[in-house]
Amino acid sequence: MMKEVGFSGLTMRTLAKKLGMEAPSLYNHLQSKDDLLVTVCSNIADQLETHILEVNDIYFNAKDRLKMAIKGHVNVLTQNITASFVFVNEWRFLPVEDKNLFIQRRDKYELEFRRILDLGIKEGNLQFSDVKITSQILLSALNSIVDWYKPDGGLTPDDVALQLFKFVGSGITKESEIYW
């Protein structure tokens, strides 16, 4: 429901009605809509962080890390596209303390992508002029999935990841180095 009306348009009353319950009953489960937003954003962030740390721990070369990081990001976002939409677009409405923590987690996640890109430059497999801009473009492309991906649209998450890897990779990877 938050995807349709946005965080600011959501009320506990409308949420309770959508769930087929009375608003006072909903308060037995949630103290506020802020709690719901914090939970959604934290759960997605936990999954993304777990995956990127595993990728940077397990895989040795930058191309494999990049491929698996993209695949993991896509898989996390497509598991629950509605929650992922909220994660990507509504985090700005988090309470101040939670928002600050969210920003720290987001920055740390981006640093893990930068580690991959830095490694690719050192290995001679990746080419671009600015690691920060490249990582932001990459993550923006990955996060855009929440706006257009349809689980019943004919593309699997792996299909999407492959296309994004090829698209993004063709701009930062030496052409002969692209593989899946």
C-alpha atoms as a PDB file:
ATOM      1  CA  MET A   1       0.000   0.000   0.000  1.00  0.00           C
ATOM      2  CA  MET A   2       2.891   2.370   0.721  1.00  0.00           C
ATOM      3  CA  LYS A   3       3.939   1.947  -2.905  1.00  0.00           C
ATOM      4  CA  GLU A   4       0.587   3.269  -4.139  1.00  0.00           C
ATOM      5  CA  VAL A   5       0.103   6.211  -1.758  1.00  0.00           C
ATOM      6  CA  GLY A   6       3.641   6.896  -0.541  1.00  0.00           C
ATOM      7  CA  PHE A   7       4.702   7.102   3.062  1.00  0.00           C
ATOM      8  CA  SER A   8       3.130  10.509   3.618  1.00  0.00           C
ATOM      9  CA  GLY A   9      -0.207   9.311   2.215  1.00  0.00           C
ATOM     10  CA  LEU A  10      -0.342   6.202   4.389  1.00  0.00           C
ATOM     11  CA  THR A  11      -2.338   6.247   7.587  1.00  0.00           C
ATOM     12  CA  MET A  12      -2.701   3.519  10.155  1.00  0.00           C
ATOM     13  CA  ARG A  13      -6.457   3.620   9.543  1.00  0.00           C
ATOM     14  CA  THR A  14      -6.146   3.023   5.787  1.00  0.00           C
ATOM     15  CA  LEU A  15      -3.542   0.329   6.380  1.00  0.00           C
ATOM     16  CA  ALA A  16      -5.802  -1.422   8.886  1.00  0.00           C
ATOM     17  CA  LYS A  17      -8.723  -1.234   6.450  1.00  0.00           C
ATOM     18  CA  LYS A  18      -6.588  -2.698   3.654  1.00  0.00           C
ATOM     19  CA  LEU A  19      -5.593  -5.538   5.990  1.00  0.00           C
ATOM     20  CA  GLY A  20      -9.212  -6.126   6.972  1.00  0.00           C
ATOM     21  CA  MET A  21      -8.807  -5.130  10.596  1.00  0.00           C
ATOM     22  CA  GLU A  22      -9.679  -2.288  12.911  1.00  0.00           C
ATOM     23  CA  ALA A  23      -7.060   0.413  13.500  1.00  0.00           C
ATOM     24  CA  PRO A  24      -6.824  -0.296  17.250  1.00  0.00           C
ATOM     25  CA  SER A  25      -6.042  -3.947  16.462  1.00  0.00           C
ATOM     26  CA  LEU A  26      -3.243  -2.870  14.122  1.00  0.00           C
ATOM     27  CA  TYR A  27      -1.652  -0.899  16.954  1.00  0.00           C
ATOM     28  CA  ASN A  28      -1.194  -4.221  18.762  1.00  0.00           C
ATOM     29  CA  HIS A  29       1.319  -5.085  16.009  1.00  0.00           C
ATOM     30  CA  LEU A  30       2.779  -1.681  15.098  1.00  0.00           C
ATOM     31  CA  GLN A  31       3.116   1.443  17.200  1.00  0.00           C
ATOM     32  CA  SER A  32       3.237   3.698  14.140  1.00  0.00           C
ATOM     33  CA  LYS A  33       3.730   3.743  10.412  1.00  0.00           C
ATOM     34  CA  ASP A  34       7.326   4.781  11.172  1.00  0.00           C
ATOM     35  CA  ASP A  35       7.855   1.331  12.719  1.00  0.00           C
ATOM     36  CA  LEU A  36       6.693  -0.274   9.486  1.00  0.00           C
ATOM     37  CA  LEU A  37       9.055   1.847   7.400  1.00  0.00           C
ATOM     38  CA  VAL A  38      12.002   1.156   9.706  1.00  0.00           C
ATOM     39  CA  THR A  39      11.311  -2.588   9.564  1.00  0.00           C
ATOM     40  CA  VAL A  40      11.029  -2.684   5.767  1.00  0.00           C
ATOM     41  CA  CYS A  41      14.163  -0.597   5.204  1.00  0.00           C
ATOM     42  CA  SER A  42      16.193  -2.527   7.794  1.00  0.00           C
ATOM     43  CA  ASN A  43      15.221  -5.927   6.399  1.00  0.00           C
ATOM     44  CA  ILE A  44      16.217  -5.061   2.837  1.00  0.00           C
ATOM     45  CA  ALA A  45      19.442  -3.383   4.007  1.00  0.00           C
ATOM     46  CA  ASP A  46      20.325  -6.480   6.066  1.00  0.00           C
ATOM     47  CA  GLN A  47      19.920  -8.731   3.026  1.00  0.00           C
ATOM     48  CA  LEU A  48      21.938  -6.469   0.727  1.00  0.00           C
ATOM     49  CA  GLU A  49      24.748  -6.062   3.260  1.00  0.00           C
ATOM     50  CA  THR A  50      24.962  -9.787   3.927  1.00  0.00           C
ATOM     51  CA  HIS A  51      25.229 -10.545   0.236  1.00  0.00           C
ATOM     52  CA  ILE A  52      27.844  -7.913  -0.684  1.00  0.00           C
ATOM     53  CA  LEU A  53      30.051  -8.905   2.251  1.00  0.00           C
ATOM     54  CA  GLU A  54      29.865 -12.554   1.170  1.00  0.00           C
ATOM     55  CA  VAL A  55      30.723 -11.594  -2.406  1.00  0.00           C
ATOM     56  CA  ASN A  56      33.771  -9.602  -1.343  1.00  0.00           C
ATOM     57  CA  ASP A  57      34.856 -12.408   0.973  1.00  0.00           C
ATOM     58  CA  ILE A  58      34.356 -15.410  -1.313  1.00  0.00           C
ATOM     59  CA  TYR A  59      35.176 -14.289  -4.860  1.00  0.00           C
ATOM     60  CA  PHE A  60      38.717 -13.440  -5.843  1.00  0.00           C
ATOM     61  CA  ASN A  61      38.589 -11.421  -9.046  1.00  0.00           C
ATOM     62  CA  ALA A  62      36.697  -8.222  -9.738  1.00  0.00           C
ATOM     63  CA  LYS A  63      34.681  -9.532 -12.695  1.00  0.00           C
ATOM     64  CA  ASP A  64      33.246 -12.395 -10.651  1.00  0.00           C
ATOM     65  CA  ARG A  65      32.636 -10.092  -7.703  1.00  0.00           C
ATOM     66  CA  LEU A  66      30.864  -7.543  -9.893  1.00  0.00           C
ATOM     67  CA  LYS A  67      28.753 -10.207 -11.542  1.00  0.00           C
ATOM     68  CA  MET A  68      27.734 -11.745  -8.230  1.00  0.00           C
ATOM     69  CA  ALA A  69      27.171  -8.364  -6.558  1.00  0.00           C
ATOM     70  CA  ILE A  70      24.800  -7.347  -9.355  1.00  0.00           C
ATOM     71  CA  LYS A  71      23.055 -10.706  -9.248  1.00  0.00           C
ATOM     72  CA  GLY A  72      22.637 -10.524  -5.472  1.00  0.00           C
ATOM     73  CA  HIS A  73      21.328  -6.959  -5.551  1.00  0.00           C
ATOM     74  CA  VAL A  74      18.790  -7.873  -8.227  1.00  0.00           C
ATOM     75  CA  ASN A  75      17.709 -10.996  -6.354  1.00  0.00           C
ATOM     76  CA  VAL A  76      17.187  -9.120  -3.087  1.00  0.00           C
ATOM     77  CA  LEU A  77      15.149  -6.366  -4.740  1.00  0.00           C
ATOM     78  CA  THR A  78      13.021  -8.733  -6.801  1.00  0.00           C
ATOM     79  CA  GLN A  79      12.124 -11.055  -3.904  1.00  0.00           C
ATOM     80  CA  ASN A  80       9.583  -8.488  -2.717  1.00  0.00           C
ATOM     81  CA  ILE A  81       9.319  -5.713  -5.266  1.00  0.00           C
ATOM     82  CA  THR A  82       6.859  -3.702  -3.173  1.00  0.00           C
ATOM     83  CA  ALA A  83       9.057  -3.695  -0.067  1.00  0.00           C
ATOM     84  CA  SER A  84      12.054  -2.921  -2.274  1.00  0.00           C
ATOM     85  CA  PHE A  85      10.211   0.022  -3.815  1.00  0.00           C
ATOM     86  CA  VAL A  86       9.615   1.359  -0.314  1.00  0.00           C
ATOM     87  CA  PHE A  87      13.285   0.770   0.575  1.00  0.00           C
ATOM     88  CA  VAL A  88      14.564   2.651  -2.467  1.00  0.00           C
ATOM     89  CA  ASN A  89      12.053   5.510  -2.510  1.00  0.00           C
ATOM     90  CA  GLU A  90      10.655   6.086   0.965  1.00  0.00           C
ATOM     91  CA  TRP A  91      13.743   5.896   3.222  1.00  0.00           C
ATOM     92  CA  ARG A  92      13.808   9.696   3.280  1.00  0.00           C
ATOM     93  CA  PHE A  93      10.801   9.584   5.614  1.00  0.00           C
ATOM     94  CA  LEU A  94      12.576   7.520   8.262  1.00  0.00           C
ATOM     95  CA  PRO A  95      12.744   9.127  11.708  1.00  0.00           C
ATOM     96  CA  VAL A  96      15.948  11.203  12.011  1.00  0.00           C
ATOM     97  CA  GLU A  97      17.983   8.693  14.030  1.00  0.00           C
ATOM     98  CA  ASP A  98      16.943   5.778  11.809  1.00  0.00           C
ATOM     99  CA  LYS A  99      17.554   7.859   8.694  1.00  0.00           C
ATOM    100  CA  ASN A 100      21.086   8.693   9.810  1.00  0.00           C
ATOM    101  CA  LEU A 101      21.786   5.015  10.465  1.00  0.00           C
ATOM    102  CA  PHE A 102      20.276   4.118   7.088  1.00  0.00           C
ATOM    103  CA  ILE A 103      22.551   6.627   5.327  1.00  0.00           C
ATOM    104  CA  GLN A 104      25.599   5.164   7.112  1.00  0.00           C
ATOM    105  CA  ARG A 105      24.587   1.661   6.029  1.00  0.00           C
ATOM    106  CA  ARG A 106      23.973   2.822   2.453  1.00  0.00           C
ATOM    107  CA  ASP A 107      27.383   4.503   2.310  1.00  0.00           C
ATOM    108  CA  LYS A 108      29.071   1.374   3.679  1.00  0.00           C
ATOM    109  CA  TYR A 109      27.272  -0.727   1.059  1.00  0.00           C
ATOM    110  CA  GLU A 110      28.437   1.593  -1.694  1.00  0.00           C
ATOM    111  CA  LEU A 111      32.009   1.329  -0.387  1.00  0.00           C
ATOM    112  CA  GLU A 112      31.822  -2.439  -0.879  1.00  0.00           C
ATOM    113  CA  PHE A 113      30.923  -1.851  -4.548  1.00  0.00           C
ATOM    114  CA  ARG A 114      33.821   0.596  -4.799  1.00  0.00           C
ATOM    115  CA  ARG A 115      36.152  -2.111  -3.457  1.00  0.00           C
ATOM    116  CA  ILE A 116      35.109  -4.280  -6.392  1.00  0.00           C
ATOM    117  CA  LEU A 117      35.660  -1.486  -8.889  1.00  0.00           C
ATOM    118  CA  ASP A 118      39.045  -0.582  -7.379  1.00  0.00           C
ATOM    119  CA  LEU A 119      40.098  -4.219  -7.610  1.00  0.00           C
ATOM    120  CA  GLY A 120      39.031  -4.310 -11.257  1.00  0.00           C
ATOM    121  CA  ILE A 121      41.231  -1.343 -12.063  1.00  0.00           C
ATOM    122  CA  LYS A 122      44.189  -2.947 -10.259  1.00  0.00           C
ATOM    123  CA  GLU A 123      43.615  -6.196 -12.173  1.00  0.00           C
ATOM    124  CA  GLY A 124      43.388  -4.276 -15.450  1.00  0.00           C
ATOM    125  CA  ASN A 125      39.901  -5.617 -16.225  1.00  0.00           C
ATOM    126  CA  LEU A 126      37.846  -2.474 -15.617  1.00  0.00           C
ATOM    127  CA  GLN A 127      38.220   0.992 -17.047  1.00  0.00           C
ATOM    128  CA  PHE A 128      36.501   4.202 -15.964  1.00  0.00           C
ATOM    129  CA  SER A 129      37.584   7.587 -14.717  1.00  0.00           C
ATOM    130  CA  ASP A 130      35.902   7.914 -11.310  1.00  0.00           C
ATOM    131  CA  VAL A 131      35.109   5.076  -8.893  1.00  0.00           C
ATOM    132  CA  LYS A 132      32.571   7.081  -6.891  1.00  0.00           C
ATOM    133  CA  ILE A 133      30.561   8.188  -9.910  1.00  0.00           C
ATOM    134  CA  THR A 134      30.741   4.714 -11.432  1.00  0.00           C
ATOM    135  CA  SER A 135      29.464   3.067  -8.251  1.00  0.00           C
ATOM    136  CA  GLN A 136      26.634   5.590  -7.953  1.00  0.00           C
ATOM    137  CA  ILE A 137      25.597   5.055 -11.573  1.00  0.00           C
ATOM    138  CA  LEU A 138      25.755   1.303 -11.098  1.00  0.00           C
ATOM    139  CA  LEU A 139      23.650   1.367  -7.924  1.00  0.00           C
ATOM    140  CA  SER A 140      21.163   3.773  -9.506  1.00  0.00           C
ATOM    141  CA  ALA A 141      20.720   1.388 -12.420  1.00  0.00           C
ATOM    142  CA  LEU A 142      20.279  -1.549 -10.050  1.00  0.00           C
ATOM    143  CA  ASN A 143      17.811   0.301  -7.827  1.00  0.00           C
ATOM    144  CA  SER A 144      15.724   1.377 -10.829  1.00  0.00           C
ATOM    145  CA  ILE A 145      14.506  -2.220 -11.007  1.00  0.00           C
ATOM    146  CA  VAL A 146      11.860  -1.372  -8.414  1.00  0.00           C
ATOM    147  CA  ASP A 147      10.218   0.994 -10.913  1.00  0.00           C
ATOM    148  CA  TRP A 148       9.901  -1.359 -13.852  1.00  0.00           C
ATOM    149  CA  TYR A 149      10.413  -5.010 -12.882  1.00  0.00           C
ATOM    150  CA  LYS A 150       7.317  -7.213 -13.049  1.00  0.00           C
ATOM    151  CA  PRO A 151       7.630 -10.698 -11.485  1.00  0.00           C
ATOM    152  CA  ASP A 152       5.193 -12.046 -14.074  1.00  0.00           C
ATOM    153  CA  GLY A 153       6.707 -10.052 -16.935  1.00  0.00           C
ATOM    154  CA  GLY A 154       8.725 -12.821 -18.539  1.00  0.00           C
ATOM    155  CA  LEU A 155      12.175 -11.955 -17.194  1.00  0.00           C
ATOM    156  CA  THR A 156      13.596 -13.834 -14.252  1.00  0.00           C
ATOM    157  CA  PRO A 157      15.794 -12.010 -11.751  1.00  0.00           C
ATOM    158  CA  ASP A 158      18.788 -13.817 -13.282  1.00  0.00           C
ATOM    159  CA  ASP A 159      17.784 -12.562 -16.762  1.00  0.00           C
ATOM    160  CA  VAL A 160      17.633  -9.015 -15.420  1.00  0.00           C
ATOM    161  CA  ALA A 161      20.977  -9.383 -13.628  1.00  0.00           C
ATOM    162  CA  LEU A 162      22.633 -10.700 -16.789  1.00  0.00           C
ATOM    163  CA  GLN A 163      21.295  -7.821 -18.884  1.00  0.00           C
ATOM    164  CA  LEU A 164      22.371  -5.252 -16.303  1.00  0.00           C
ATOM    165  CA  PHE A 165      25.810  -6.851 -15.999  1.00  0.00           C
ATOM    166  CA  LYS A 166      26.250  -6.768 -19.772  1.00  0.00           C
ATOM    167  CA  PHE A 167      24.952  -3.217 -20.058  1.00  0.00           C
ATOM    168  CA  VAL A 168      26.917  -1.765 -17.170  1.00  0.00           C
ATOM    169  CA  GLY A 169      29.903  -3.983 -17.877  1.00  0.00           C
ATOM    170  CA  SER A 170      30.142  -2.857 -21.482  1.00  0.00           C
ATOM    171  CA  GLY A 171      30.794   0.662 -20.237  1.00  0.00           C
ATOM    172  CA  ILE A 172      33.432  -0.158 -17.622  1.00  0.00           C
ATOM    173  CA  THR A 173      34.887  -3.476 -18.734  1.00  0.00           C
ATOM    174  CA  LYS A 174      37.316  -4.000 -21.554  1.00  0.00           C
ATOM    175  CA  GLU A 175      35.140  -5.465 -24.285  1.00  0.00           C
ATOM    176  CA  SER A 176      37.030  -8.743 -24.535  1.00  0.00           C
ATOM    177  CA  GLU A 177      36.669  -9.211 -20.784  1.00  0.00           C
ATOM    178  CA  ILE A 178      32.844  -9.401 -20.586  1.00  0.00           C
ATOM    179  CA  TYR A 179      31.507 -12.839 -19.760  1.00  0.00           C
ATOM    180  CA  TRP A 180      28.699 -14.301 -17.707  1.00  0.00           C
END
